[in-house]
């Protein structure tokens, strides 16, 4: 995963999943294709970042994405 656009906080630190989806991409799809992927994050607040990452990984061909 790589962030391609800065995500600015809204209000009290909240950001929507749609905003995160536009700001991230999978750089090396061949490394993800048909693989099981474990997502890790140091802080999970709303879960929107994690869900956006999951969607991008599935789009890239991940066989399974867990957290």
C-alpha atoms as a PDB file:
ATOM      1  CA  UNK A   1       0.000   0.000   0.000  1.00  0.00           C
ATOM      2  CA  UNK A   2       1.094   3.512  -0.623  1.00  0.00           C
ATOM      3  CA  UNK A   3      -0.544   6.815   0.141  1.00  0.00           C
ATOM      4  CA  UNK A   4      -0.675   8.900  -3.025  1.00  0.00           C
ATOM      5  CA  UNK A   5      -2.555  11.865  -1.602  1.00  0.00           C
ATOM      6  CA  UNK A   6      -2.537  13.553   1.810  1.00  0.00           C
ATOM      7  CA  UNK A   7      -5.709  13.019   3.809  1.00  0.00           C
ATOM      8  CA  UNK A   8      -6.724  15.991   5.922  1.00  0.00           C
ATOM      9  CA  UNK A   9      -8.741  15.497   9.086  1.00  0.00           C
ATOM     10  CA  UNK A  10     -12.353  16.603   9.160  1.00  0.00           C
ATOM     11  CA  UNK A  11     -13.815  18.047  12.330  1.00  0.00           C
ATOM     12  CA  UNK A  12     -12.637  15.992  15.287  1.00  0.00           C
ATOM     13  CA  UNK A  13     -10.094  13.905  13.399  1.00  0.00           C
ATOM     14  CA  UNK A  14     -12.627  12.012  11.309  1.00  0.00           C
ATOM     15  CA  UNK A  15     -12.077  11.055   7.683  1.00  0.00           C
ATOM     16  CA  UNK A  16     -14.461   9.148   5.433  1.00  0.00           C
ATOM     17  CA  UNK A  17     -13.712   5.820   3.771  1.00  0.00           C
ATOM     18  CA  UNK A  18     -14.297   7.454   0.376  1.00  0.00           C
ATOM     19  CA  UNK A  19     -11.551   9.990   1.100  1.00  0.00           C
ATOM     20  CA  UNK A  20      -9.150   7.200   2.041  1.00  0.00           C
ATOM     21  CA  UNK A  21     -10.022   5.194  -1.081  1.00  0.00           C
ATOM     22  CA  UNK A  22      -8.945   8.111  -3.262  1.00  0.00           C
ATOM     23  CA  UNK A  23      -5.697   8.531  -1.337  1.00  0.00           C
ATOM     24  CA  UNK A  24      -4.226   4.988  -1.429  1.00  0.00           C
ATOM     25  CA  UNK A  25      -3.179   2.428  -3.996  1.00  0.00           C
ATOM     26  CA  UNK A  26      -1.453  -0.930  -4.202  1.00  0.00           C
ATOM     27  CA  UNK A  27       1.939  -0.339  -5.774  1.00  0.00           C
ATOM     28  CA  UNK A  28       2.993  -3.914  -6.613  1.00  0.00           C
ATOM     29  CA  UNK A  29      -0.140  -5.883  -7.473  1.00  0.00           C
ATOM     30  CA  UNK A  30       1.815  -9.019  -8.385  1.00  0.00           C
ATOM     31  CA  UNK A  31       2.956  -9.310  -4.756  1.00  0.00           C
ATOM     32  CA  UNK A  32      -0.677  -9.251  -3.559  1.00  0.00           C
ATOM     33  CA  UNK A  33      -2.372 -11.382  -6.219  1.00  0.00           C
ATOM     34  CA  UNK A  34      -3.736 -14.673  -4.809  1.00  0.00           C
ATOM     35  CA  UNK A  35      -2.115 -14.001  -1.391  1.00  0.00           C
ATOM     36  CA  UNK A  36      -3.557 -13.889   2.125  1.00  0.00           C
ATOM     37  CA  UNK A  37      -2.872 -10.438   3.597  1.00  0.00           C
ATOM     38  CA  UNK A  38      -2.845  -9.339   7.238  1.00  0.00           C
ATOM     39  CA  UNK A  39      -3.456  -5.617   7.799  1.00  0.00           C
ATOM     40  CA  UNK A  40      -1.877  -3.921  10.812  1.00  0.00           C
ATOM     41  CA  UNK A  41      -2.273  -0.378  12.095  1.00  0.00           C
ATOM     42  CA  UNK A  42      -1.011   1.203  15.293  1.00  0.00           C
ATOM     43  CA  UNK A  43      -4.266   3.094  15.966  1.00  0.00           C
ATOM     44  CA  UNK A  44      -7.751   2.265  14.675  1.00  0.00           C
ATOM     45  CA  UNK A  45     -10.409   4.871  15.400  1.00  0.00           C
ATOM     46  CA  UNK A  46     -13.347   4.613  12.996  1.00  0.00           C
ATOM     47  CA  UNK A  47     -11.898   1.760  10.946  1.00  0.00           C
ATOM     48  CA  UNK A  48     -12.345   3.704   7.702  1.00  0.00           C
ATOM     49  CA  UNK A  49      -8.640   3.542   6.809  1.00  0.00           C
ATOM     50  CA  UNK A  50      -8.532  -0.206   7.417  1.00  0.00           C
ATOM     51  CA  UNK A  51     -11.678  -0.793   5.348  1.00  0.00           C
ATOM     52  CA  UNK A  52     -10.343   1.329   2.483  1.00  0.00           C
ATOM     53  CA  UNK A  53      -7.090  -0.663   2.545  1.00  0.00           C
ATOM     54  CA  UNK A  54      -9.050  -3.911   2.496  1.00  0.00           C
ATOM     55  CA  UNK A  55     -11.028  -2.806  -0.549  1.00  0.00           C
ATOM     56  CA  UNK A  56      -7.859  -1.791  -2.420  1.00  0.00           C
ATOM     57  CA  UNK A  57      -6.152  -5.100  -1.563  1.00  0.00           C
ATOM     58  CA  UNK A  58      -9.158  -7.116  -2.747  1.00  0.00           C
ATOM     59  CA  UNK A  59      -9.255  -5.067  -5.954  1.00  0.00           C
ATOM     60  CA  UNK A  60      -5.565  -5.922  -6.427  1.00  0.00           C
ATOM     61  CA  UNK A  61      -6.385  -9.617  -6.270  1.00  0.00           C
ATOM     62  CA  UNK A  62      -5.741 -10.587  -2.645  1.00  0.00           C
ATOM     63  CA  UNK A  63      -7.271 -13.990  -1.867  1.00  0.00           C
ATOM     64  CA  UNK A  64      -8.051 -13.031   1.740  1.00  0.00           C
ATOM     65  CA  UNK A  65      -7.608  -9.872   3.822  1.00  0.00           C
ATOM     66  CA  UNK A  66      -7.796  -9.968   7.631  1.00  0.00           C
ATOM     67  CA  UNK A  67      -6.995  -7.683  10.522  1.00  0.00           C
END
